[in-house]
Each structure stands twice: as C-alpha cells, then as structure tokens.
Amino acid sequence: MIRFLVKIPKHKQFNYSPVYFNEAKEDLDKRVQAAQGGYDSGVTKIARGSLKESWGRSARIAKSDKTSTIRLMVIIAILSLFVFWVLK
C-alpha cells in the first residue's frame, strides 16, 4: 500500500577499471626517453626537469622532517615543564 508513495532508487553501477601504476617503471621510461632524445637543446630540458623533480622531492622530505622534529621538541618541552610543575 505504501510502496506506490515511496520510490526506492535502484543501485548505481560504475564502470571503473583500476589502473596499476608502477612508479619505478614510469621513472625508468621517462629517463630512457630523455636519454634517447639526443644531446641538442633537449639536454637542458632533461637536466632542468630531473633536477627540479629530485630537488623538489628532497626539499619536501627535508622540510617535513625538520618540522616534525621541531614539533616533537616543542611537545617534549611542554610535557617536561608540565611534569616539573606538577612535581613541584
């Protein structure tokens, strides 16, 4: 009796096919294509691109390590001051 008043939506179907991403293979393919490009004007693009990628990744990791170390030191200092205050 209530069925005609309430319309229940049907389940949705998605056509999703997962894509496997192999970062090492992609990096190797990129380097091989860059090496096969030759030594003309492509060299500056290759060097600039690879340097930008490597420096950017290293800089982000170093920055995150530095911030996490500083955060850890601040937390330890606050906790030690709190413990000192409680014990005194």
PDB file of N, CA and C in Angstrom:
ATOM      1  N   MET A   1       0.811  -1.186   0.000  1.00  0.00           N
ATOM      2  CA  MET A   1       0.000   0.000   0.000  1.00  0.00           C
ATOM      3  C   MET A   1       0.864   1.264   0.000  1.00  0.00           C
ATOM      4  N   ILE A   2       1.906   1.286   0.780  1.00  0.00           N
ATOM      5  CA  ILE A   2       2.778   2.458   0.853  1.00  0.00           C
ATOM      6  C   ILE A   2       3.805   2.436  -0.278  1.00  0.00           C
ATOM      7  N   ARG A   3       3.970   1.324  -0.912  1.00  0.00           N
ATOM      8  CA  ARG A   3       5.009   1.165  -1.926  1.00  0.00           C
ATOM      9  C   ARG A   3       4.845   2.162  -3.076  1.00  0.00           C
ATOM     10  N   PHE A   4       3.658   2.499  -3.478  1.00  0.00           N
ATOM     11  CA  PHE A   4       3.474   3.434  -4.578  1.00  0.00           C
ATOM     12  C   PHE A   4       3.748   4.882  -4.141  1.00  0.00           C
ATOM     13  N   LEU A   5       3.778   5.164  -2.833  1.00  0.00           N
ATOM     14  CA  LEU A   5       4.068   6.509  -2.350  1.00  0.00           C
ATOM     15  C   LEU A   5       5.579   6.772  -2.242  1.00  0.00           C
ATOM     16  N   VAL A   6       6.337   5.743  -1.936  1.00  0.00           N
ATOM     17  CA  VAL A   6       7.780   5.891  -1.741  1.00  0.00           C
ATOM     18  C   VAL A   6       8.498   5.180  -2.879  1.00  0.00           C
ATOM     19  N   LYS A   7       9.302   5.938  -3.586  1.00  0.00           N
ATOM     20  CA  LYS A   7      10.065   5.348  -4.672  1.00  0.00           C
ATOM     21  C   LYS A   7      11.490   5.101  -4.186  1.00  0.00           C
ATOM     22  N   ILE A   8      11.899   3.861  -4.155  1.00  0.00           N
ATOM     23  CA  ILE A   8      13.233   3.487  -3.714  1.00  0.00           C
ATOM     24  C   ILE A   8      14.155   3.495  -4.932  1.00  0.00           C
ATOM     25  N   PRO A   9      15.234   4.266  -4.877  1.00  0.00           N
ATOM     26  CA  PRO A   9      16.127   4.315  -6.038  1.00  0.00           C
ATOM     27  C   PRO A   9      16.887   3.005  -6.218  1.00  0.00           C
ATOM     28  N   LYS A  10      17.180   2.674  -7.460  1.00  0.00           N
ATOM     29  CA  LYS A  10      17.950   1.473  -7.756  1.00  0.00           C
ATOM     30  C   LYS A  10      19.428   1.749  -7.486  1.00  0.00           C
ATOM     31  N   HIS A  11      20.173   0.688  -7.273  1.00  0.00           N
ATOM     32  CA  HIS A  11      21.593   0.855  -7.004  1.00  0.00           C
ATOM     33  C   HIS A  11      22.304   1.360  -8.252  1.00  0.00           C
ATOM     34  N   LYS A  12      23.355   2.157  -8.021  1.00  0.00           N
ATOM     35  CA  LYS A  12      24.111   2.727  -9.126  1.00  0.00           C
ATOM     36  C   LYS A  12      25.260   1.798  -9.490  1.00  0.00           C
ATOM     37  N   GLN A  13      25.530   1.719 -10.758  1.00  0.00           N
ATOM     38  CA  GLN A  13      26.642   0.911 -11.231  1.00  0.00           C
ATOM     39  C   GLN A  13      27.661   1.831 -11.890  1.00  0.00           C
ATOM     40  N   PHE A  14      28.934   1.587 -11.576  1.00  0.00           N
ATOM     41  CA  PHE A  14      30.003   2.377 -12.143  1.00  0.00           C
ATOM     42  C   PHE A  14      30.915   1.465 -12.955  1.00  0.00           C
ATOM     43  N   ASN A  15      31.339   1.937 -14.081  1.00  0.00           N
ATOM     44  CA  ASN A  15      32.260   1.179 -14.922  1.00  0.00           C
ATOM     45  C   ASN A  15      33.678   1.616 -14.592  1.00  0.00           C
ATOM     46  N   TYR A  16      34.194   1.142 -13.485  1.00  0.00           N
ATOM     47  CA  TYR A  16      35.519   1.512 -13.029  1.00  0.00           C
ATOM     48  C   TYR A  16      36.469   0.336 -13.222  1.00  0.00           C
ATOM     49  N   SER A  17      37.526   0.567 -13.949  1.00  0.00           N
ATOM     50  CA  SER A  17      38.560  -0.454 -14.078  1.00  0.00           C
ATOM     51  C   SER A  17      39.837   0.134 -13.474  1.00  0.00           C
ATOM     52  N   PRO A  18      40.356  -0.462 -12.406  1.00  0.00           N
ATOM     53  CA  PRO A  18      41.525   0.099 -11.734  1.00  0.00           C
ATOM     54  C   PRO A  18      42.758   0.074 -12.640  1.00  0.00           C
ATOM     55  N   VAL A  19      43.581   1.089 -12.492  1.00  0.00           N
ATOM     56  CA  VAL A  19      44.794   1.222 -13.284  1.00  0.00           C
ATOM     57  C   VAL A  19      45.982   0.982 -12.366  1.00  0.00           C
ATOM     58  N   TYR A  20      46.857   0.078 -12.758  1.00  0.00           N
ATOM     59  CA  TYR A  20      48.045  -0.219 -11.965  1.00  0.00           C
ATOM     60  C   TYR A  20      49.117   0.793 -12.324  1.00  0.00           C
ATOM     61  N   PHE A  21      49.676   1.451 -11.331  1.00  0.00           N
ATOM     62  CA  PHE A  21      50.711   2.458 -11.534  1.00  0.00           C
ATOM     63  C   PHE A  21      52.000   1.979 -10.907  1.00  0.00           C
ATOM     64  N   ASN A  22      53.019   1.802 -11.727  1.00  0.00           N
ATOM     65  CA  ASN A  22      54.325   1.389 -11.254  1.00  0.00           C
ATOM     66  C   ASN A  22      55.255   2.595 -11.367  1.00  0.00           C
ATOM     67  N   GLU A  23      55.545   3.225 -10.238  1.00  0.00           N
ATOM     68  CA  GLU A  23      56.330   4.459 -10.238  1.00  0.00           C
ATOM     69  C   GLU A  23      57.741   4.225 -10.758  1.00  0.00           C
ATOM     70  N   ALA A  24      58.340   3.097 -10.395  1.00  0.00           N
ATOM     71  CA  ALA A  24      59.704   2.811 -10.846  1.00  0.00           C
ATOM     72  C   ALA A  24      59.747   2.656 -12.369  1.00  0.00           C
ATOM     73  N   LYS A  25      58.753   1.976 -12.925  1.00  0.00           N
ATOM     74  CA  LYS A  25      58.711   1.783 -14.380  1.00  0.00           C
ATOM     75  C   LYS A  25      58.481   3.111 -15.096  1.00  0.00           C
ATOM     76  N   GLU A  26      57.595   3.940 -14.557  1.00  0.00           N
ATOM     77  CA  GLU A  26      57.347   5.250 -15.156  1.00  0.00           C
ATOM     78  C   GLU A  26      58.606   6.105 -15.137  1.00  0.00           C
ATOM     79  N   ASP A  27      59.332   6.087 -14.029  1.00  0.00           N
ATOM     80  CA  ASP A  27      60.571   6.849 -13.914  1.00  0.00           C
ATOM     81  C   ASP A  27      61.607   6.330 -14.902  1.00  0.00           C
ATOM     82  N   LEU A  28      61.730   5.018 -15.020  1.00  0.00           N
ATOM     83  CA  LEU A  28      62.672   4.417 -15.962  1.00  0.00           C
ATOM     84  C   LEU A  28      62.316   4.782 -17.400  1.00  0.00           C
ATOM     85  N   ASP A  29      61.038   4.706 -17.749  1.00  0.00           N
ATOM     86  CA  ASP A  29      60.608   5.071 -19.099  1.00  0.00           C
ATOM     87  C   ASP A  29      60.905   6.536 -19.402  1.00  0.00           C
ATOM     88  N   LYS A  30      60.693   7.395 -18.422  1.00  0.00           N
ATOM     89  CA  LYS A  30      60.965   8.813 -18.596  1.00  0.00           C
ATOM     90  C   LYS A  30      62.457   9.052 -18.834  1.00  0.00           C
ATOM     91  N   ARG A  31      63.304   8.352 -18.086  1.00  0.00           N
ATOM     92  CA  ARG A  31      64.756   8.507 -18.248  1.00  0.00           C
ATOM     93  C   ARG A  31      65.229   7.961 -19.589  1.00  0.00           C
ATOM     94  N   VAL A  32      64.658   6.823 -20.019  1.00  0.00           N
ATOM     95  CA  VAL A  32      65.043   6.237 -21.309  1.00  0.00           C
ATOM     96  C   VAL A  32      64.652   7.166 -22.444  1.00  0.00           C
ATOM     97  N   GLN A  33      63.449   7.716 -22.401  1.00  0.00           N
ATOM     98  CA  GLN A  33      63.017   8.643 -23.443  1.00  0.00           C
ATOM     99  C   GLN A  33      63.884   9.889 -23.444  1.00  0.00           C
ATOM    100  N   ALA A  34      64.281  10.361 -22.272  1.00  0.00           N
ATOM    101  CA  ALA A  34      65.140  11.540 -22.191  1.00  0.00           C
ATOM    102  C   ALA A  34      66.516  11.232 -22.757  1.00  0.00           C
ATOM    103  N   ALA A  35      67.033  10.035 -22.499  1.00  0.00           N
ATOM    104  CA  ALA A  35      68.356   9.661 -22.995  1.00  0.00           C
ATOM    105  C   ALA A  35      68.337   9.458 -24.504  1.00  0.00           C
ATOM    106  N   GLN A  36      67.253   8.972 -25.055  1.00  0.00           N
ATOM    107  CA  GLN A  36      67.164   8.753 -26.489  1.00  0.00           C
ATOM    108  C   GLN A  36      66.910  10.041 -27.244  1.00  0.00           C
ATOM    109  N   GLY A  37      66.591  11.114 -26.545  1.00  0.00           N
ATOM    110  CA  GLY A  37      66.290  12.391 -27.188  1.00  0.00           C
ATOM    111  C   GLY A  37      67.486  13.000 -27.883  1.00  0.00           C
ATOM    112  N   GLY A  38      68.693  12.751 -27.436  1.00  0.00           N
ATOM    113  CA  GLY A  38      69.877  13.319 -28.074  1.00  0.00           C
ATOM    114  C   GLY A  38      70.525  14.368 -27.184  1.00  0.00           C
ATOM    115  N   TYR A  39      71.573  15.002 -27.744  1.00  0.00           N
ATOM    116  CA  TYR A  39      72.349  15.965 -26.965  1.00  0.00           C
ATOM    117  C   TYR A  39      72.139  17.404 -27.403  1.00  0.00           C
ATOM    118  N   ASP A  40      71.152  17.690 -28.192  1.00  0.00           N
ATOM    119  CA  ASP A  40      70.944  19.065 -28.637  1.00  0.00           C
ATOM    120  C   ASP A  40      70.213  19.866 -27.560  1.00  0.00           C
ATOM    121  N   SER A  41      69.259  20.653 -27.908  1.00  0.00           N
ATOM    122  CA  SER A  41      68.574  21.524 -26.952  1.00  0.00           C
ATOM    123  C   SER A  41      67.794  20.744 -25.895  1.00  0.00           C
ATOM    124  N   GLY A  42      67.554  19.465 -26.121  1.00  0.00           N
ATOM    125  CA  GLY A  42      66.818  18.647 -25.173  1.00  0.00           C
ATOM    126  C   GLY A  42      67.581  18.397 -23.887  1.00  0.00           C
ATOM    127  N   VAL A  43      68.897  18.561 -23.903  1.00  0.00           N
ATOM    128  CA  VAL A  43      69.708  18.294 -22.719  1.00  0.00           C
ATOM    129  C   VAL A  43      69.356  19.247 -21.593  1.00  0.00           C
ATOM    130  N   THR A  44      69.183  20.528 -21.903  1.00  0.00           N
ATOM    131  CA  THR A  44      68.852  21.484 -20.848  1.00  0.00           C
ATOM    132  C   THR A  44      67.483  21.183 -20.257  1.00  0.00           C
ATOM    133  N   LYS A  45      66.539  20.768 -21.095  1.00  0.00           N
ATOM    134  CA  LYS A  45      65.218  20.425 -20.579  1.00  0.00           C
ATOM    135  C   LYS A  45      65.288  19.194 -19.684  1.00  0.00           C
ATOM    136  N   ILE A  46      66.068  18.203 -20.105  1.00  0.00           N
ATOM    137  CA  ILE A  46      66.204  16.977 -19.324  1.00  0.00           C
ATOM    138  C   ILE A  46      66.849  17.283 -17.983  1.00  0.00           C
ATOM    139  N   ALA A  47      67.956  17.998 -18.012  1.00  0.00           N
ATOM    140  CA  ALA A  47      68.673  18.307 -16.777  1.00  0.00           C
ATOM    141  C   ALA A  47      67.805  19.162 -15.855  1.00  0.00           C
ATOM    142  N   ARG A  48      67.166  20.158 -16.419  1.00  0.00           N
ATOM    143  CA  ARG A  48      66.342  21.036 -15.609  1.00  0.00           C
ATOM    144  C   ARG A  48      65.165  20.281 -15.006  1.00  0.00           C
ATOM    145  N   GLY A  49      64.528  19.439 -15.795  1.00  0.00           N
ATOM    146  CA  GLY A  49      63.381  18.679 -15.306  1.00  0.00           C
ATOM    147  C   GLY A  49      63.767  17.671 -14.248  1.00  0.00           C
ATOM    148  N   SER A  50      64.853  16.943 -14.480  1.00  0.00           N
ATOM    149  CA  SER A  50      65.259  15.935 -13.499  1.00  0.00           C
ATOM    150  C   SER A  50      65.758  16.591 -12.226  1.00  0.00           C
ATOM    151  N   LEU A  51      66.468  17.713 -12.353  1.00  0.00           N
ATOM    152  CA  LEU A  51      66.916  18.421 -11.154  1.00  0.00           C
ATOM    153  C   LEU A  51      65.734  18.967 -10.368  1.00  0.00           C
ATOM    154  N   LYS A  52      64.779  19.512 -11.097  1.00  0.00           N
ATOM    155  CA  LYS A  52      63.604  20.068 -10.421  1.00  0.00           C
ATOM    156  C   LYS A  52      62.856  18.983  -9.661  1.00  0.00           C
ATOM    157  N   GLU A  53      62.694  17.811 -10.290  1.00  0.00           N
ATOM    158  CA  GLU A  53      61.999  16.709  -9.619  1.00  0.00           C
ATOM    159  C   GLU A  53      62.779  16.214  -8.411  1.00  0.00           C
ATOM    160  N   SER A  54      64.069  15.996  -8.598  1.00  0.00           N
ATOM    161  CA  SER A  54      64.854  15.431  -7.491  1.00  0.00           C
ATOM    162  C   SER A  54      65.004  16.432  -6.353  1.00  0.00           C
ATOM    163  N   TRP A  55      65.294  17.684  -6.663  1.00  0.00           N
ATOM    164  CA  TRP A  55      65.440  18.681  -5.607  1.00  0.00           C
ATOM    165  C   TRP A  55      64.110  18.960  -4.926  1.00  0.00           C
ATOM    166  N   GLY A  56      63.047  18.996  -5.690  1.00  0.00           N
ATOM    167  CA  GLY A  56      61.736  19.264  -5.112  1.00  0.00           C
ATOM    168  C   GLY A  56      61.324  18.177  -4.140  1.00  0.00           C
ATOM    169  N   ARG A  57      61.535  16.934  -4.521  1.00  0.00           N
ATOM    170  CA  ARG A  57      61.171  15.814  -3.660  1.00  0.00           C
ATOM    171  C   ARG A  57      62.029  15.809  -2.407  1.00  0.00           C
ATOM    172  N   SER A  58      63.338  16.025  -2.557  1.00  0.00           N
ATOM    173  CA  SER A  58      64.245  16.033  -1.408  1.00  0.00           C
ATOM    174  C   SER A  58      63.938  17.207  -0.481  1.00  0.00           C
ATOM    175  N   ALA A  59      63.635  18.346  -1.066  1.00  0.00           N
ATOM    176  CA  ALA A  59      63.340  19.518  -0.256  1.00  0.00           C
ATOM    177  C   ALA A  59      62.063  19.313   0.552  1.00  0.00           C
ATOM    178  N   ARG A  60      61.056  18.693  -0.061  1.00  0.00           N
ATOM    179  CA  ARG A  60      59.815  18.447   0.677  1.00  0.00           C
ATOM    180  C   ARG A  60      60.036  17.474   1.814  1.00  0.00           C
ATOM    181  N   ILE A  61      60.822  16.432   1.573  1.00  0.00           N
ATOM    182  CA  ILE A  61      61.088  15.448   2.620  1.00  0.00           C
ATOM    183  C   ILE A  61      61.889  16.082   3.744  1.00  0.00           C
ATOM    184  N   ALA A  62      62.904  16.872   3.396  1.00  0.00           N
ATOM    185  CA  ALA A  62      63.726  17.520   4.410  1.00  0.00           C
ATOM    186  C   ALA A  62      62.895  18.511   5.222  1.00  0.00           C
ATOM    187  N   LYS A  63      62.020  19.257   4.557  1.00  0.00           N
ATOM    188  CA  LYS A  63      61.189  20.229   5.252  1.00  0.00           C
ATOM    189  C   LYS A  63      60.221  19.533   6.201  1.00  0.00           C
ATOM    190  N   SER A  64      59.620  18.441   5.755  1.00  0.00           N
ATOM    191  CA  SER A  64      58.678  17.728   6.621  1.00  0.00           C
ATOM    192  C   SER A  64      59.404  17.098   7.801  1.00  0.00           C
ATOM    193  N   ASP A  65      60.633  16.584   7.575  1.00  0.00           N
ATOM    194  CA  ASP A  65      61.420  16.025   8.675  1.00  0.00           C
ATOM    195  C   ASP A  65      61.776  17.105   9.687  1.00  0.00           C
ATOM    196  N   LYS A  66      62.140  18.280   9.189  1.00  0.00           N
ATOM    197  CA  LYS A  66      62.522  19.381  10.071  1.00  0.00           C
ATOM    198  C   LYS A  66      61.327  19.842  10.906  1.00  0.00           C
ATOM    199  N   THR A  67      60.178  19.990  10.263  1.00  0.00           N
ATOM    200  CA  THR A  67      59.001  20.445  11.002  1.00  0.00           C
ATOM    201  C   THR A  67      58.546  19.404  12.017  1.00  0.00           C
ATOM    202  N   SER A  68      58.640  18.130  11.666  1.00  0.00           N
ATOM    203  CA  SER A  68      58.228  17.105  12.623  1.00  0.00           C
ATOM    204  C   SER A  68      59.196  17.047  13.804  1.00  0.00           C
ATOM    205  N   THR A  69      60.483  17.272  13.560  1.00  0.00           N
ATOM    206  CA  THR A  69      61.468  17.292  14.646  1.00  0.00           C
ATOM    207  C   THR A  69      61.214  18.468  15.571  1.00  0.00           C
ATOM    208  N   ILE A  70      60.954  19.625  15.005  1.00  0.00           N
ATOM    209  CA  ILE A  70      60.673  20.815  15.821  1.00  0.00           C
ATOM    210  C   ILE A  70      59.403  20.602  16.636  1.00  0.00           C
ATOM    211  N   ARG A  71      58.373  20.057  16.014  1.00  0.00           N
ATOM    212  CA  ARG A  71      57.120  19.798  16.709  1.00  0.00           C
ATOM    213  C   ARG A  71      57.338  18.826  17.866  1.00  0.00           C
ATOM    214  N   LEU A  72      58.128  17.800  17.643  1.00  0.00           N
ATOM    215  CA  LEU A  72      58.426  16.826  18.688  1.00  0.00           C
ATOM    216  C   LEU A  72      59.171  17.477  19.849  1.00  0.00           C
ATOM    217  N   MET A  73      60.137  18.328  19.548  1.00  0.00           N
ATOM    218  CA  MET A  73      60.900  19.013  20.597  1.00  0.00           C
ATOM    219  C   MET A  73      59.992  19.940  21.425  1.00  0.00           C
ATOM    220  N   VAL A  74      59.073  20.630  20.762  1.00  0.00           N
ATOM    221  CA  VAL A  74      58.152  21.520  21.472  1.00  0.00           C
ATOM    222  C   VAL A  74      57.228  20.714  22.378  1.00  0.00           C
ATOM    223  N   ILE A  75      56.730  19.600  21.903  1.00  0.00           N
ATOM    224  CA  ILE A  75      55.850  18.759  22.715  1.00  0.00           C
ATOM    225  C   ILE A  75      56.601  18.213  23.921  1.00  0.00           C
ATOM    226  N   ILE A  76      57.837  17.767  23.713  1.00  0.00           N
ATOM    227  CA  ILE A  76      58.640  17.258  24.834  1.00  0.00           C
ATOM    228  C   ILE A  76      58.904  18.357  25.842  1.00  0.00           C
ATOM    229  N   ALA A  77      59.212  19.572  25.392  1.00  0.00           N
ATOM    230  CA  ALA A  77      59.474  20.690  26.303  1.00  0.00           C
ATOM    231  C   ALA A  77      58.223  21.024  27.114  1.00  0.00           C
ATOM    232  N   ILE A  78      57.069  21.073  26.468  1.00  0.00           N
ATOM    233  CA  ILE A  78      55.823  21.391  27.174  1.00  0.00           C
ATOM    234  C   ILE A  78      55.500  20.309  28.194  1.00  0.00           C
ATOM    235  N   LEU A  79      55.648  19.054  27.803  1.00  0.00           N
ATOM    236  CA  LEU A  79      55.364  17.964  28.741  1.00  0.00           C
ATOM    237  C   LEU A  79      56.337  17.952  29.918  1.00  0.00           C
ATOM    238  N   SER A  80      57.605  18.232  29.651  1.00  0.00           N
ATOM    239  CA  SER A  80      58.571  18.261  30.754  1.00  0.00           C
ATOM    240  C   SER A  80      58.288  19.426  31.702  1.00  0.00           C
ATOM    241  N   LEU A  81      57.897  20.584  31.167  1.00  0.00           N
ATOM    242  CA  LEU A  81      57.528  21.717  32.032  1.00  0.00           C
ATOM    243  C   LEU A  81      56.279  21.388  32.848  1.00  0.00           C
ATOM    244  N   PHE A  82      55.322  20.714  32.256  1.00  0.00           N
ATOM    245  CA  PHE A  82      54.119  20.325  32.970  1.00  0.00           C
ATOM    246  C   PHE A  82      54.438  19.332  34.099  1.00  0.00           C
ATOM    247  N   VAL A  83      55.283  18.356  33.811  1.00  0.00           N
ATOM    248  CA  VAL A  83      55.664  17.372  34.835  1.00  0.00           C
ATOM    249  C   VAL A  83      56.440  18.064  35.955  1.00  0.00           C
ATOM    250  N   PHE A  84      57.342  18.972  35.607  1.00  0.00           N
ATOM    251  CA  PHE A  84      58.094  19.721  36.609  1.00  0.00           C
ATOM    252  C   PHE A  84      57.154  20.534  37.495  1.00  0.00           C
ATOM    253  N   TRP A  85      56.139  21.172  36.876  1.00  0.00           N
ATOM    254  CA  TRP A  85      55.194  21.984  37.620  1.00  0.00           C
ATOM    255  C   TRP A  85      54.331  21.115  38.550  1.00  0.00           C
ATOM    256  N   VAL A  86      53.946  19.916  38.090  1.00  0.00           N
ATOM    257  CA  VAL A  86      53.131  19.020  38.898  1.00  0.00           C
ATOM    258  C   VAL A  86      53.939  18.491  40.072  1.00  0.00           C
ATOM    259  N   LEU A  87      55.181  18.109  39.858  1.00  0.00           N
ATOM    260  CA  LEU A  87      56.013  17.554  40.928  1.00  0.00           C
ATOM    261  C   LEU A  87      56.473  18.613  41.933  1.00  0.00           C
ATOM    262  N   LYS A  88      56.545  19.834  41.548  1.00  0.00           N
ATOM    263  CA  LYS A  88      56.961  20.893  42.453  1.00  0.00           C
ATOM    264  C   LYS A  88      55.769  21.376  43.214  1.00  0.00           C
TER     265      LYS A  88
END
